[in-house]
Amino acid sequence: MNIVERINKQIEKLKNDYSSLKAENDSLKRRIEMFEKENDEFFRNNQDLILKIDSTLSSRKGK
């Protein structure tokens, strides 16, 4: 096999590797976005719960 054929095969392999890695990267970015949204929802729920607890404690102090 001559050098041009070997280089062309290596280039094709690198292109395939790049495509695979790009697809994996895109998938990981989508997962990160999903986790960020889920985290934001948990944060909001925690804030709501803290406000309810604070409100309950404040109302009990007034009695």
PDB file of N, CA and C in Angstrom:
ATOM      1  N   MET A   1       0.864  -1.181   0.000  1.00  0.00           N
ATOM      2  CA  MET A   1       0.000   0.000   0.000  1.00  0.00           C
ATOM      3  C   MET A   1       0.909   1.243   0.000  1.00  0.00           C
ATOM      4  N   ASN A   2       0.592   2.144  -0.849  1.00  0.00           N
ATOM      5  CA  ASN A   2       1.457   3.319  -0.895  1.00  0.00           C
ATOM      6  C   ASN A   2       1.064   4.334   0.171  1.00  0.00           C
ATOM      7  N   ILE A   3       1.882   5.302   0.331  1.00  0.00           N
ATOM      8  CA  ILE A   3       1.715   6.278   1.412  1.00  0.00           C
ATOM      9  C   ILE A   3       0.438   7.101   1.267  1.00  0.00           C
ATOM     10  N   VAL A   4       0.028   7.400   0.052  1.00  0.00           N
ATOM     11  CA  VAL A   4      -1.182   8.201  -0.167  1.00  0.00           C
ATOM     12  C   VAL A   4      -2.415   7.428   0.304  1.00  0.00           C
ATOM     13  N   GLU A   5      -2.465   6.146   0.030  1.00  0.00           N
ATOM     14  CA  GLU A   5      -3.598   5.327   0.467  1.00  0.00           C
ATOM     15  C   GLU A   5      -3.637   5.239   1.985  1.00  0.00           C
ATOM     16  N   ARG A   6      -2.470   5.075   2.606  1.00  0.00           N
ATOM     17  CA  ARG A   6      -2.420   4.998   4.075  1.00  0.00           C
ATOM     18  C   ARG A   6      -2.886   6.315   4.695  1.00  0.00           C
ATOM     19  N   ILE A   7      -2.438   7.416   4.132  1.00  0.00           N
ATOM     20  CA  ILE A   7      -2.840   8.725   4.653  1.00  0.00           C
ATOM     21  C   ILE A   7      -4.343   8.928   4.468  1.00  0.00           C
ATOM     22  N   ASN A   8      -4.869   8.538   3.315  1.00  0.00           N
ATOM     23  CA  ASN A   8      -6.308   8.665   3.075  1.00  0.00           C
ATOM     24  C   ASN A   8      -7.117   7.826   4.064  1.00  0.00           C
ATOM     25  N   LYS A   9      -6.639   6.618   4.363  1.00  0.00           N
ATOM     26  CA  LYS A   9      -7.331   5.770   5.352  1.00  0.00           C
ATOM     27  C   LYS A   9      -7.285   6.418   6.738  1.00  0.00           C
ATOM     28  N   GLN A  10      -6.155   6.986   7.083  1.00  0.00           N
ATOM     29  CA  GLN A  10      -6.034   7.653   8.377  1.00  0.00           C
ATOM     30  C   GLN A  10      -6.957   8.866   8.442  1.00  0.00           C
ATOM     31  N   ILE A  11      -7.035   9.597   7.349  1.00  0.00           N
ATOM     32  CA  ILE A  11      -7.930  10.762   7.306  1.00  0.00           C
ATOM     33  C   ILE A  11      -9.376  10.325   7.474  1.00  0.00           C
ATOM     34  N   GLU A  12      -9.777   9.255   6.795  1.00  0.00           N
ATOM     35  CA  GLU A  12     -11.152   8.752   6.924  1.00  0.00           C
ATOM     36  C   GLU A  12     -11.425   8.292   8.351  1.00  0.00           C
ATOM     37  N   LYS A  13     -10.445   7.625   8.958  1.00  0.00           N
ATOM     38  CA  LYS A  13     -10.618   7.183  10.349  1.00  0.00           C
ATOM     39  C   LYS A  13     -10.776   8.400  11.267  1.00  0.00           C
ATOM     40  N   LEU A  14      -9.963   9.411  11.058  1.00  0.00           N
ATOM     41  CA  LEU A  14     -10.059  10.622  11.875  1.00  0.00           C
ATOM     42  C   LEU A  14     -11.405  11.324  11.684  1.00  0.00           C
ATOM     43  N   LYS A  15     -11.900  11.341  10.451  1.00  0.00           N
ATOM     44  CA  LYS A  15     -13.219  11.934  10.196  1.00  0.00           C
ATOM     45  C   LYS A  15     -14.304  11.168  10.927  1.00  0.00           C
ATOM     46  N   ASN A  16     -14.223   9.830  10.880  1.00  0.00           N
ATOM     47  CA  ASN A  16     -15.207   9.006  11.595  1.00  0.00           C
ATOM     48  C   ASN A  16     -15.117   9.211  13.101  1.00  0.00           C
ATOM     49  N   ASP A  17     -13.882   9.248  13.612  1.00  0.00           N
ATOM     50  CA  ASP A  17     -13.687   9.487  15.046  1.00  0.00           C
ATOM     51  C   ASP A  17     -14.251  10.846  15.442  1.00  0.00           C
ATOM     52  N   TYR A  18     -13.994  11.850  14.602  1.00  0.00           N
ATOM     53  CA  TYR A  18     -14.494  13.192  14.884  1.00  0.00           C
ATOM     54  C   TYR A  18     -16.025  13.203  14.921  1.00  0.00           C
ATOM     55  N   SER A  19     -16.645  12.541  13.944  1.00  0.00           N
ATOM     56  CA  SER A  19     -18.114  12.496  13.903  1.00  0.00           C
ATOM     57  C   SER A  19     -18.677  11.819  15.144  1.00  0.00           C
ATOM     58  N   SER A  20     -18.043  10.720  15.543  1.00  0.00           N
ATOM     59  CA  SER A  20     -18.498  10.003  16.741  1.00  0.00           C
ATOM     60  C   SER A  20     -18.354  10.874  17.987  1.00  0.00           C
ATOM     61  N   LEU A  21     -17.203  11.520  18.123  1.00  0.00           N
ATOM     62  CA  LEU A  21     -16.969  12.368  19.287  1.00  0.00           C
ATOM     63  C   LEU A  21     -17.895  13.579  19.307  1.00  0.00           C
ATOM     64  N   LYS A  22     -18.167  14.134  18.136  1.00  0.00           N
ATOM     65  CA  LYS A  22     -19.080  15.276  18.056  1.00  0.00           C
ATOM     66  C   LYS A  22     -20.485  14.859  18.484  1.00  0.00           C
ATOM     67  N   ALA A  23     -20.931  13.685  18.030  1.00  0.00           N
ATOM     68  CA  ALA A  23     -22.250  13.190  18.422  1.00  0.00           C
ATOM     69  C   ALA A  23     -22.305  12.953  19.931  1.00  0.00           C
ATOM     70  N   GLU A  24     -21.250  12.371  20.484  1.00  0.00           N
ATOM     71  CA  GLU A  24     -21.203  12.136  21.930  1.00  0.00           C
ATOM     72  C   GLU A  24     -21.192  13.457  22.684  1.00  0.00           C
ATOM     73  N   ASN A  25     -20.449  14.424  22.204  1.00  0.00           N
ATOM     74  CA  ASN A  25     -20.390  15.745  22.828  1.00  0.00           C
ATOM     75  C   ASN A  25     -21.764  16.410  22.821  1.00  0.00           C
ATOM     76  N   ASP A  26     -22.451  16.335  21.682  1.00  0.00           N
ATOM     77  CA  ASP A  26     -23.793  16.919  21.586  1.00  0.00           C
ATOM     78  C   ASP A  26     -24.746  16.241  22.566  1.00  0.00           C
ATOM     79  N   SER A  27     -24.637  14.932  22.663  1.00  0.00           N
ATOM     80  CA  SER A  27     -25.480  14.185  23.599  1.00  0.00           C
ATOM     81  C   SER A  27     -25.201  14.611  25.043  1.00  0.00           C
ATOM     82  N   LEU A  28     -23.919  14.761  25.378  1.00  0.00           N
ATOM     83  CA  LEU A  28     -23.553  15.178  26.736  1.00  0.00           C
ATOM     84  C   LEU A  28     -24.028  16.602  27.032  1.00  0.00           C
ATOM     85  N   LYS A  29     -23.979  17.471  26.016  1.00  0.00           N
ATOM     86  CA  LYS A  29     -24.486  18.835  26.212  1.00  0.00           C
ATOM     87  C   LYS A  29     -25.984  18.817  26.500  1.00  0.00           C
ATOM     88  N   ARG A  30     -26.724  17.966  25.789  1.00  0.00           N
ATOM     89  CA  ARG A  30     -28.171  17.864  26.049  1.00  0.00           C
ATOM     90  C   ARG A  30     -28.440  17.343  27.451  1.00  0.00           C
ATOM     91  N   ARG A  31     -27.645  16.366  27.893  1.00  0.00           N
ATOM     92  CA  ARG A  31     -27.812  15.836  29.255  1.00  0.00           C
ATOM     93  C   ARG A  31     -27.520  16.909  30.297  1.00  0.00           C
ATOM     94  N   ILE A  32     -26.472  17.707  30.054  1.00  0.00           N
ATOM     95  CA  ILE A  32     -26.136  18.796  30.979  1.00  0.00           C
ATOM     96  C   ILE A  32     -27.295  19.781  31.065  1.00  0.00           C
ATOM     97  N   GLU A  33     -27.867  20.148  29.923  1.00  0.00           N
ATOM     98  CA  GLU A  33     -29.006  21.073  29.923  1.00  0.00           C
ATOM     99  C   GLU A  33     -30.173  20.477  30.697  1.00  0.00           C
ATOM    100  N   MET A  34     -30.423  19.175  30.523  1.00  0.00           N
ATOM    101  CA  MET A  34     -31.502  18.514  31.245  1.00  0.00           C
ATOM    102  C   MET A  34     -31.232  18.555  32.754  1.00  0.00           C
ATOM    103  N   PHE A  35     -29.983  18.255  33.144  1.00  0.00           N
ATOM    104  CA  PHE A  35     -29.636  18.288  34.566  1.00  0.00           C
ATOM    105  C   PHE A  35     -29.730  19.697  35.133  1.00  0.00           C
ATOM    106  N   GLU A  36     -29.355  20.698  34.351  1.00  0.00           N
ATOM    107  CA  GLU A  36     -29.464  22.083  34.822  1.00  0.00           C
ATOM    108  C   GLU A  36     -30.926  22.461  35.048  1.00  0.00           C
ATOM    109  N   LYS A  37     -31.807  22.067  34.139  1.00  0.00           N
ATOM    110  CA  LYS A  37     -33.229  22.353  34.308  1.00  0.00           C
ATOM    111  C   LYS A  37     -33.781  21.636  35.528  1.00  0.00           C
ATOM    112  N   GLU A  38     -33.386  20.377  35.693  1.00  0.00           N
ATOM    113  CA  GLU A  38     -33.832  19.610  36.850  1.00  0.00           C
ATOM    114  C   GLU A  38     -33.314  20.232  38.141  1.00  0.00           C
ATOM    115  N   ASN A  39     -32.069  20.667  38.144  1.00  0.00           N
ATOM    116  CA  ASN A  39     -31.483  21.315  39.308  1.00  0.00           C
ATOM    117  C   ASN A  39     -32.220  22.611  39.641  1.00  0.00           C
ATOM    118  N   ASP A  40     -32.535  23.402  38.612  1.00  0.00           N
ATOM    119  CA  ASP A  40     -33.270  24.643  38.835  1.00  0.00           C
ATOM    120  C   ASP A  40     -34.638  24.362  39.448  1.00  0.00           C
ATOM    121  N   GLU A  41     -35.285  23.293  38.970  1.00  0.00           N
ATOM    122  CA  GLU A  41     -36.596  22.938  39.521  1.00  0.00           C
ATOM    123  C   GLU A  41     -36.473  22.527  40.982  1.00  0.00           C
ATOM    124  N   PHE A  42     -35.462  21.717  41.298  1.00  0.00           N
ATOM    125  CA  PHE A  42     -35.234  21.328  42.694  1.00  0.00           C
ATOM    126  C   PHE A  42     -34.959  22.554  43.558  1.00  0.00           C
ATOM    127  N   PHE A  43     -34.171  23.480  43.035  1.00  0.00           N
ATOM    128  CA  PHE A  43     -33.850  24.695  43.778  1.00  0.00           C
ATOM    129  C   PHE A  43     -35.121  25.491  44.074  1.00  0.00           C
ATOM    130  N   ARG A  44     -35.973  25.666  43.045  1.00  0.00           N
ATOM    131  CA  ARG A  44     -37.229  26.406  43.250  1.00  0.00           C
ATOM    132  C   ARG A  44     -38.115  25.692  44.274  1.00  0.00           C
ATOM    133  N   ASN A  45     -38.189  24.369  44.178  1.00  0.00           N
ATOM    134  CA  ASN A  45     -39.003  23.618  45.135  1.00  0.00           C
ATOM    135  C   ASN A  45     -38.456  23.768  46.551  1.00  0.00           C
ATOM    136  N   ASN A  46     -37.142  23.749  46.689  1.00  0.00           N
ATOM    137  CA  ASN A  46     -36.537  23.931  48.005  1.00  0.00           C
ATOM    138  C   ASN A  46     -36.827  25.325  48.549  1.00  0.00           C
ATOM    139  N   GLN A  47     -36.726  26.332  47.686  1.00  0.00           N
ATOM    140  CA  GLN A  47     -37.023  27.694  48.112  1.00  0.00           C
ATOM    141  C   GLN A  47     -38.479  27.800  48.567  1.00  0.00           C
ATOM    142  N   ASP A  48     -39.396  27.187  47.809  1.00  0.00           N
ATOM    143  CA  ASP A  48     -40.811  27.196  48.188  1.00  0.00           C
ATOM    144  C   ASP A  48     -41.012  26.523  49.536  1.00  0.00           C
ATOM    145  N   LEU A  49     -40.354  25.392  49.735  1.00  0.00           N
ATOM    146  CA  LEU A  49     -40.485  24.673  51.000  1.00  0.00           C
ATOM    147  C   LEU A  49     -39.934  25.495  52.155  1.00  0.00           C
ATOM    148  N   ILE A  50     -38.812  26.147  51.952  1.00  0.00           N
ATOM    149  CA  ILE A  50     -38.230  26.995  53.002  1.00  0.00           C
ATOM    150  C   ILE A  50     -39.179  28.139  53.345  1.00  0.00           C
ATOM    151  N   LEU A  51     -39.783  28.747  52.321  1.00  0.00           N
ATOM    152  CA  LEU A  51     -40.737  29.831  52.578  1.00  0.00           C
ATOM    153  C   LEU A  51     -41.954  29.331  53.355  1.00  0.00           C
ATOM    154  N   LYS A  52     -42.437  28.140  53.026  1.00  0.00           N
ATOM    155  CA  LYS A  52     -43.580  27.585  53.756  1.00  0.00           C
ATOM    156  C   LYS A  52     -43.218  27.291  55.201  1.00  0.00           C
ATOM    157  N   ILE A  53     -42.031  26.739  55.399  1.00  0.00           N
ATOM    158  CA  ILE A  53     -41.591  26.447  56.767  1.00  0.00           C
ATOM    159  C   ILE A  53     -41.448  27.746  57.546  1.00  0.00           C
ATOM    160  N   ASP A  54     -40.833  28.745  56.933  1.00  0.00           N
ATOM    161  CA  ASP A  54     -40.659  30.035  57.590  1.00  0.00           C
ATOM    162  C   ASP A  54     -42.011  30.661  57.927  1.00  0.00           C
ATOM    163  N   SER A  55     -42.942  30.569  56.993  1.00  0.00           N
ATOM    164  CA  SER A  55     -44.273  31.121  57.215  1.00  0.00           C
ATOM    165  C   SER A  55     -44.979  30.395  58.352  1.00  0.00           C
ATOM    166  N   THR A  56     -44.848  29.085  58.369  1.00  0.00           N
ATOM    167  CA  THR A  56     -45.470  28.292  59.435  1.00  0.00           C
ATOM    168  C   THR A  56     -44.865  28.637  60.787  1.00  0.00           C
ATOM    169  N   LEU A  57     -43.546  28.747  60.836  1.00  0.00           N
ATOM    170  CA  LEU A  57     -42.886  29.090  62.104  1.00  0.00           C
ATOM    171  C   LEU A  57     -43.273  30.495  62.558  1.00  0.00           C
ATOM    172  N   SER A  58     -43.384  31.426  61.631  1.00  0.00           N
ATOM    173  CA  SER A  58     -43.763  32.794  61.984  1.00  0.00           C
ATOM    174  C   SER A  58     -45.189  32.858  62.507  1.00  0.00           C
ATOM    175  N   SER A  59     -46.071  32.105  61.881  1.00  0.00           N
ATOM    176  CA  SER A  59     -47.456  32.121  62.332  1.00  0.00           C
ATOM    177  C   SER A  59     -47.605  31.451  63.693  1.00  0.00           C
ATOM    178  N   ARG A  60     -46.800  30.465  64.003  1.00  0.00           N
ATOM    179  CA  ARG A  60     -46.867  29.803  65.298  1.00  0.00           C
ATOM    180  C   ARG A  60     -46.307  30.698  66.408  1.00  0.00           C
ATOM    181  N   LYS A  61     -45.325  31.528  66.073  1.00  0.00           N
ATOM    182  CA  LYS A  61     -44.764  32.440  67.062  1.00  0.00           C
ATOM    183  C   LYS A  61     -45.784  33.500  67.458  1.00  0.00           C
ATOM    184  N   GLY A  62     -46.637  33.858  66.522  1.00  0.00           N
ATOM    185  CA  GLY A  62     -47.631  34.879  66.780  1.00  0.00           C
ATOM    186  C   GLY A  62     -48.762  34.396  67.672  1.00  0.00           C
ATOM    187  N   LYS A  63     -48.927  33.107  67.806  1.00  0.00           N
ATOM    188  CA  LYS A  63     -50.043  32.567  68.620  1.00  0.00           C
ATOM    189  C   LYS A  63     -49.714  32.522  70.070  1.00  0.00           C
TER     190      LYS A  63
END
